[in-house]
Amino acid sequence: MIIIDAEMSGLSPLKNSIVSLGAVDFAHPERQFYGECRIWDGAETDPEALAVNGFTEADCHDPKRKSETELISEFYAWIQQISDKTIAGQNVSFDAQFLNQALKRADIEWRFSFRTLDLHAVMYAQFLKEGREVPLRDDQSALSLTKILGSLGLPPEPKPHIAINGAKYEAEAFSRVIHRKNLLPEFAQYPVEIPEQGKLM
């Protein structure tokens, strides 16, 4: 599978654009992808989204940056070496919509499936399996990436959010919950946490 994280200029796959994309080949984690791009002509920007990912309006329109089409084409070429192209990540169906719209705009006749592997869902199930209480907000799951990482012995993802960082942190989290082992060398200093049953870390 491919662990992905994308940063966008807003929340609408039809109105907004990818601005950066990071990915880790889970089976061969040394294989990684990262790229940034300007927004496609006519795409909108949302100041709140840019505040999260650290991109500026100038970055989004910089003609020196590659186009979204160039970025998604490079990513599509990169994934050809991966036999299982199922994508995974935190709330990954959101990212998948942007990837598929970018592929469409690039006239690439291939789409990511609606079948994805969501880190939130995996961790929710793991909390139930281990007898841990799922944190709630407004009577619904509040298992953010920060809380998931903390429960696995990992520090929070640095801010602003950079797509390759997100992909790496999420890949490490998947490895710890699925295989109970470290995946990437940059996280080797953090012991793999296996909490006591019923204990929320």
C-alpha atoms as a PDB file:
ATOM      1  CA  MET A   1       0.000   0.000   0.000  1.00  0.00           C
ATOM      2  CA  ILE A   2       0.972   3.643  -0.382  1.00  0.00           C
ATOM      3  CA  ILE A   3       0.819   5.973   2.610  1.00  0.00           C
ATOM      4  CA  ILE A   4      -0.079   9.428   1.301  1.00  0.00           C
ATOM      5  CA  ASP A   5      -0.553  12.892   2.685  1.00  0.00           C
ATOM      6  CA  ALA A   6      -1.506  15.907   0.596  1.00  0.00           C
ATOM      7  CA  GLU A   7      -1.761  19.592   1.377  1.00  0.00           C
ATOM      8  CA  MET A   8      -4.337  21.623  -0.495  1.00  0.00           C
ATOM      9  CA  SER A   9      -5.364  25.233  -1.075  1.00  0.00           C
ATOM     10  CA  GLY A  10      -8.798  24.556   0.423  1.00  0.00           C
ATOM     11  CA  LEU A  11     -11.379  21.884   1.169  1.00  0.00           C
ATOM     12  CA  SER A  12     -13.122  21.437  -2.194  1.00  0.00           C
ATOM     13  CA  PRO A  13     -11.639  18.942  -4.705  1.00  0.00           C
ATOM     14  CA  LEU A  14     -13.470  20.827  -7.472  1.00  0.00           C
ATOM     15  CA  LYS A  15     -12.520  24.391  -6.510  1.00  0.00           C
ATOM     16  CA  ASN A  16      -9.174  23.973  -4.772  1.00  0.00           C
ATOM     17  CA  SER A  17      -5.816  22.512  -5.747  1.00  0.00           C
ATOM     18  CA  ILE A  18      -3.119  20.251  -4.393  1.00  0.00           C
ATOM     19  CA  VAL A  19      -0.089  22.307  -3.325  1.00  0.00           C
ATOM     20  CA  SER A  20       2.106  19.459  -2.074  1.00  0.00           C
ATOM     21  CA  LEU A  21       2.073  15.680  -1.999  1.00  0.00           C
ATOM     22  CA  GLY A  22       4.057  13.189   0.063  1.00  0.00           C
ATOM     23  CA  ALA A  23       4.033   9.398  -0.054  1.00  0.00           C
ATOM     24  CA  VAL A  24       5.789   6.357   1.407  1.00  0.00           C
ATOM     25  CA  ASP A  25       5.827   2.880  -0.136  1.00  0.00           C
ATOM     26  CA  PHE A  26       4.835   0.897   2.974  1.00  0.00           C
ATOM     27  CA  ALA A  27       6.459  -2.336   1.779  1.00  0.00           C
ATOM     28  CA  HIS A  28       9.690  -0.511   0.888  1.00  0.00           C
ATOM     29  CA  PRO A  29       9.699   2.589   3.122  1.00  0.00           C
ATOM     30  CA  GLU A  30      13.003   3.828   1.749  1.00  0.00           C
ATOM     31  CA  ARG A  31      11.023   4.620  -1.424  1.00  0.00           C
ATOM     32  CA  GLN A  32       9.442   8.006  -0.828  1.00  0.00           C
ATOM     33  CA  PHE A  33       7.899  10.753  -2.939  1.00  0.00           C
ATOM     34  CA  TYR A  34       7.591  14.459  -2.291  1.00  0.00           C
ATOM     35  CA  GLY A  35       6.707  17.386  -4.497  1.00  0.00           C
ATOM     36  CA  GLU A  36       5.185  20.859  -4.407  1.00  0.00           C
ATOM     37  CA  CYS A  37       3.303  22.761  -7.090  1.00  0.00           C
ATOM     38  CA  ARG A  38       1.440  25.933  -7.894  1.00  0.00           C
ATOM     39  CA  ILE A  39      -2.345  25.758  -8.019  1.00  0.00           C
ATOM     40  CA  TRP A  40      -4.092  25.065 -11.308  1.00  0.00           C
ATOM     41  CA  ASP A  41      -5.357  28.092 -13.246  1.00  0.00           C
ATOM     42  CA  GLY A  42      -8.668  29.208 -11.755  1.00  0.00           C
ATOM     43  CA  ALA A  43      -8.298  27.287  -8.493  1.00  0.00           C
ATOM     44  CA  GLU A  44      -9.289  29.074  -5.308  1.00  0.00           C
ATOM     45  CA  THR A  45      -7.303  29.516  -2.105  1.00  0.00           C
ATOM     46  CA  ASP A  46      -8.563  29.482   1.469  1.00  0.00           C
ATOM     47  CA  PRO A  47      -6.521  31.437   4.040  1.00  0.00           C
ATOM     48  CA  GLU A  48      -7.351  28.877   6.749  1.00  0.00           C
ATOM     49  CA  ALA A  49      -5.989  26.021   4.633  1.00  0.00           C
ATOM     50  CA  LEU A  50      -2.814  27.958   3.855  1.00  0.00           C
ATOM     51  CA  ALA A  51      -2.335  28.717   7.553  1.00  0.00           C
ATOM     52  CA  VAL A  52      -2.258  24.969   8.221  1.00  0.00           C
ATOM     53  CA  ASN A  53       0.221  24.026   5.500  1.00  0.00           C
ATOM     54  CA  GLY A  54       2.379  27.144   5.584  1.00  0.00           C
ATOM     55  CA  PHE A  55       1.983  28.000   1.888  1.00  0.00           C
ATOM     56  CA  THR A  56       1.485  31.631   0.915  1.00  0.00           C
ATOM     57  CA  GLU A  57      -0.577  33.118  -1.895  1.00  0.00           C
ATOM     58  CA  ALA A  58       2.720  33.826  -3.669  1.00  0.00           C
ATOM     59  CA  ASP A  59       3.698  30.155  -3.349  1.00  0.00           C
ATOM     60  CA  CYS A  60       0.355  29.067  -4.776  1.00  0.00           C
ATOM     61  CA  HIS A  61       0.778  31.220  -7.882  1.00  0.00           C
ATOM     62  CA  ASP A  62       4.552  31.016  -8.319  1.00  0.00           C
ATOM     63  CA  PRO A  63       5.195  30.344 -12.050  1.00  0.00           C
ATOM     64  CA  LYS A  64       8.581  28.834 -11.150  1.00  0.00           C
ATOM     65  CA  ARG A  65       6.874  25.962  -9.334  1.00  0.00           C
ATOM     66  CA  LYS A  66       5.762  22.935 -11.336  1.00  0.00           C
ATOM     67  CA  SER A  67       2.100  22.727 -12.250  1.00  0.00           C
ATOM     68  CA  GLU A  68      -0.349  20.431 -10.489  1.00  0.00           C
ATOM     69  CA  THR A  69      -0.446  18.373 -13.696  1.00  0.00           C
ATOM     70  CA  GLU A  70       3.327  17.958 -13.624  1.00  0.00           C
ATOM     71  CA  LEU A  71       3.230  16.952  -9.956  1.00  0.00           C
ATOM     72  CA  ILE A  72       0.455  14.361 -10.330  1.00  0.00           C
ATOM     73  CA  SER A  73       2.124  12.988 -13.475  1.00  0.00           C
ATOM     74  CA  GLU A  74       5.384  12.492 -11.566  1.00  0.00           C
ATOM     75  CA  PHE A  75       3.496  10.823  -8.729  1.00  0.00           C
ATOM     76  CA  TYR A  76       1.652   8.553 -11.161  1.00  0.00           C
ATOM     77  CA  ALA A  77       4.983   7.505 -12.675  1.00  0.00           C
ATOM     78  CA  TRP A  78       6.397   6.876  -9.180  1.00  0.00           C
ATOM     79  CA  ILE A  79       3.579   4.518  -8.146  1.00  0.00           C
ATOM     80  CA  GLN A  80       4.075   2.279 -11.188  1.00  0.00           C
ATOM     81  CA  GLN A  81       6.756   0.352  -9.283  1.00  0.00           C
ATOM     82  CA  ILE A  82       4.269  -0.515  -6.528  1.00  0.00           C
ATOM     83  CA  SER A  83       2.086  -3.578  -7.098  1.00  0.00           C
ATOM     84  CA  ASP A  84      -0.479  -2.775  -4.381  1.00  0.00           C
ATOM     85  CA  LYS A  85      -1.573   0.791  -5.061  1.00  0.00           C
ATOM     86  CA  THR A  86      -4.154   0.877  -2.269  1.00  0.00           C
ATOM     87  CA  ILE A  87      -3.720   4.230  -0.561  1.00  0.00           C
ATOM     88  CA  ALA A  88      -3.700   4.742   3.180  1.00  0.00           C
ATOM     89  CA  GLY A  89      -3.457   7.644   5.588  1.00  0.00           C
ATOM     90  CA  GLN A  90      -5.341   9.717   8.141  1.00  0.00           C
ATOM     91  CA  ASN A  91      -8.801  10.535   6.718  1.00  0.00           C
ATOM     92  CA  VAL A  92      -7.342   9.430   3.379  1.00  0.00           C
ATOM     93  CA  SER A  93     -10.604   9.453   1.415  1.00  0.00           C
ATOM     94  CA  PHE A  94     -10.375  13.265   1.523  1.00  0.00           C
ATOM     95  CA  ASP A  95      -6.915  13.206  -0.080  1.00  0.00           C
ATOM     96  CA  ALA A  96      -8.075  10.589  -2.610  1.00  0.00           C
ATOM     97  CA  GLN A  97     -10.718  12.959  -3.972  1.00  0.00           C
ATOM     98  CA  PHE A  98      -8.062  15.579  -4.691  1.00  0.00           C
ATOM     99  CA  LEU A  99      -5.728  13.028  -6.274  1.00  0.00           C
ATOM    100  CA  ASN A 100      -8.462  11.763  -8.570  1.00  0.00           C
ATOM    101  CA  GLN A 101      -9.489  15.261  -9.624  1.00  0.00           C
ATOM    102  CA  ALA A 102      -5.824  16.096 -10.337  1.00  0.00           C
ATOM    103  CA  LEU A 103      -5.480  12.912 -12.409  1.00  0.00           C
ATOM    104  CA  LYS A 104      -8.604  13.905 -14.339  1.00  0.00           C
ATOM    105  CA  ARG A 105      -7.300  17.418 -15.006  1.00  0.00           C
ATOM    106  CA  ALA A 106      -4.021  15.860 -16.223  1.00  0.00           C
ATOM    107  CA  ASP A 107      -5.924  13.581 -18.658  1.00  0.00           C
ATOM    108  CA  ILE A 108      -4.486  10.485 -16.973  1.00  0.00           C
ATOM    109  CA  GLU A 109      -6.955   7.630 -17.422  1.00  0.00           C
ATOM    110  CA  TRP A 110      -6.497   6.051 -14.000  1.00  0.00           C
ATOM    111  CA  ARG A 111      -8.131   6.642 -10.632  1.00  0.00           C
ATOM    112  CA  PHE A 112      -7.565   5.551  -7.053  1.00  0.00           C
ATOM    113  CA  SER A 113     -10.278   3.209  -5.801  1.00  0.00           C
ATOM    114  CA  PHE A 114     -12.845   4.139  -3.181  1.00  0.00           C
ATOM    115  CA  ARG A 115     -11.345   1.286  -1.149  1.00  0.00           C
ATOM    116  CA  THR A 116      -8.735   2.929   1.063  1.00  0.00           C
ATOM    117  CA  LEU A 117      -7.142   2.178   4.435  1.00  0.00           C
ATOM    118  CA  ASP A 118      -7.894   4.885   6.984  1.00  0.00           C
ATOM    119  CA  LEU A 119      -5.588   5.253   9.991  1.00  0.00           C
ATOM    120  CA  HIS A 120      -8.396   6.675  12.108  1.00  0.00           C
ATOM    121  CA  ALA A 121     -10.590   3.624  11.472  1.00  0.00           C
ATOM    122  CA  VAL A 122      -7.727   1.214  12.167  1.00  0.00           C
ATOM    123  CA  MET A 123      -6.890   2.953  15.440  1.00  0.00           C
ATOM    124  CA  TYR A 124     -10.543   3.176  16.508  1.00  0.00           C
ATOM    125  CA  ALA A 125     -10.799  -0.601  16.077  1.00  0.00           C
ATOM    126  CA  GLN A 126      -7.495  -1.089  17.912  1.00  0.00           C
ATOM    127  CA  PHE A 127      -8.689   0.984  20.863  1.00  0.00           C
ATOM    128  CA  LEU A 128     -11.796  -1.195  21.103  1.00  0.00           C
ATOM    129  CA  LYS A 129      -9.756  -4.388  20.775  1.00  0.00           C
ATOM    130  CA  GLU A 130      -7.402  -3.349  23.575  1.00  0.00           C
ATOM    131  CA  GLY A 131     -10.174  -2.125  25.853  1.00  0.00           C
ATOM    132  CA  ARG A 132      -9.063   1.496  25.651  1.00  0.00           C
ATOM    133  CA  GLU A 133     -11.590   4.297  25.851  1.00  0.00           C
ATOM    134  CA  VAL A 134     -11.990   6.153  22.562  1.00  0.00           C
ATOM    135  CA  PRO A 135     -11.765   9.914  23.208  1.00  0.00           C
ATOM    136  CA  LEU A 136     -14.927  11.743  22.178  1.00  0.00           C
ATOM    137  CA  ARG A 137     -15.864  15.308  21.270  1.00  0.00           C
ATOM    138  CA  ASP A 138     -19.516  16.234  20.657  1.00  0.00           C
ATOM    139  CA  ASP A 139     -20.332  12.538  21.238  1.00  0.00           C
ATOM    140  CA  GLN A 140     -18.142  11.459  18.297  1.00  0.00           C
ATOM    141  CA  SER A 141     -14.618  10.140  17.867  1.00  0.00           C
ATOM    142  CA  ALA A 142     -11.899  12.686  18.608  1.00  0.00           C
ATOM    143  CA  LEU A 143      -9.019  10.423  17.562  1.00  0.00           C
ATOM    144  CA  SER A 144      -6.936  13.073  15.834  1.00  0.00           C
ATOM    145  CA  LEU A 145      -3.559  12.246  14.324  1.00  0.00           C
ATOM    146  CA  THR A 146      -1.870  13.858  17.342  1.00  0.00           C
ATOM    147  CA  LYS A 147      -3.760  11.576  19.747  1.00  0.00           C
ATOM    148  CA  ILE A 148      -3.073   8.532  17.586  1.00  0.00           C
ATOM    149  CA  LEU A 149       0.640   9.296  17.462  1.00  0.00           C
ATOM    150  CA  GLY A 150       0.760   9.859  21.221  1.00  0.00           C
ATOM    151  CA  SER A 151      -0.948   6.543  21.875  1.00  0.00           C
ATOM    152  CA  LEU A 152       1.813   4.828  19.874  1.00  0.00           C
ATOM    153  CA  GLY A 153       4.709   6.559  21.600  1.00  0.00           C
ATOM    154  CA  LEU A 154       5.318   9.148  18.884  1.00  0.00           C
ATOM    155  CA  PRO A 155       5.596  12.947  19.130  1.00  0.00           C
ATOM    156  CA  PRO A 156       3.128  15.265  17.374  1.00  0.00           C
ATOM    157  CA  GLU A 157       3.685  16.060  13.707  1.00  0.00           C
ATOM    158  CA  PRO A 158       5.577  19.379  13.403  1.00  0.00           C
ATOM    159  CA  LYS A 159       3.778  22.500  12.210  1.00  0.00           C
ATOM    160  CA  PRO A 160       3.160  23.781   9.632  1.00  0.00           C
ATOM    161  CA  HIS A 161       1.997  20.511   8.118  1.00  0.00           C
ATOM    162  CA  ILE A 162       4.325  19.308   5.362  1.00  0.00           C
ATOM    163  CA  ALA A 163       2.990  16.487   3.205  1.00  0.00           C
ATOM    164  CA  ILE A 164       6.060  14.255   3.390  1.00  0.00           C
ATOM    165  CA  ASN A 165       6.116  14.597   7.183  1.00  0.00           C
ATOM    166  CA  GLY A 166       2.472  13.574   7.343  1.00  0.00           C
ATOM    167  CA  ALA A 167       3.112  10.550   5.149  1.00  0.00           C
ATOM    168  CA  LYS A 168       6.103   9.486   7.274  1.00  0.00           C
ATOM    169  CA  TYR A 169       4.307   9.895  10.606  1.00  0.00           C
ATOM    170  CA  GLU A 170       1.273   8.012   9.309  1.00  0.00           C
ATOM    171  CA  ALA A 171       3.422   5.214   7.843  1.00  0.00           C
ATOM    172  CA  GLU A 172       5.200   4.847  11.194  1.00  0.00           C
ATOM    173  CA  ALA A 173       1.843   4.736  12.978  1.00  0.00           C
ATOM    174  CA  PHE A 174       0.550   2.012  10.664  1.00  0.00           C
ATOM    175  CA  SER A 175       3.684  -0.055  11.259  1.00  0.00           C
ATOM    176  CA  ARG A 176       3.357   0.257  15.032  1.00  0.00           C
ATOM    177  CA  VAL A 177      -0.297  -0.695  15.152  1.00  0.00           C
ATOM    178  CA  ILE A 178      -0.111  -3.474  12.521  1.00  0.00           C
ATOM    179  CA  HIS A 179       3.345  -4.972  13.109  1.00  0.00           C
ATOM    180  CA  ARG A 180       4.195  -3.556  16.553  1.00  0.00           C
ATOM    181  CA  LYS A 181       7.563  -2.392  15.271  1.00  0.00           C
ATOM    182  CA  ASN A 182       9.443   0.676  14.129  1.00  0.00           C
ATOM    183  CA  LEU A 183       9.412   1.409  10.378  1.00  0.00           C
ATOM    184  CA  LEU A 184      11.479   4.536   9.665  1.00  0.00           C
ATOM    185  CA  PRO A 185      14.917   5.369  11.118  1.00  0.00           C
ATOM    186  CA  GLU A 186      13.901   8.876  12.173  1.00  0.00           C
ATOM    187  CA  PHE A 187      11.452   7.345  14.677  1.00  0.00           C
ATOM    188  CA  ALA A 188      13.739   4.607  16.038  1.00  0.00           C
ATOM    189  CA  GLN A 189      14.493   6.730  19.128  1.00  0.00           C
ATOM    190  CA  TYR A 190      10.854   6.424  20.237  1.00  0.00           C
ATOM    191  CA  PRO A 191      10.084   3.040  21.851  1.00  0.00           C
ATOM    192  CA  VAL A 192       7.091   1.198  20.423  1.00  0.00           C
ATOM    193  CA  GLU A 193       4.356   1.594  23.015  1.00  0.00           C
ATOM    194  CA  ILE A 194       2.176  -1.394  23.844  1.00  0.00           C
ATOM    195  CA  PRO A 195      -0.176   0.052  26.471  1.00  0.00           C
ATOM    196  CA  GLU A 196      -1.804  -1.926  29.222  1.00  0.00           C
ATOM    197  CA  GLN A 197      -5.358  -3.000  28.512  1.00  0.00           C
ATOM    198  CA  GLY A 198      -7.818  -0.277  29.361  1.00  0.00           C
ATOM    199  CA  LYS A 199      -5.158   2.422  29.585  1.00  0.00           C
ATOM    200  CA  LEU A 200      -5.413   5.469  27.299  1.00  0.00           C
ATOM    201  CA  MET A 201      -2.023   7.011  26.717  1.00  0.00           C
END
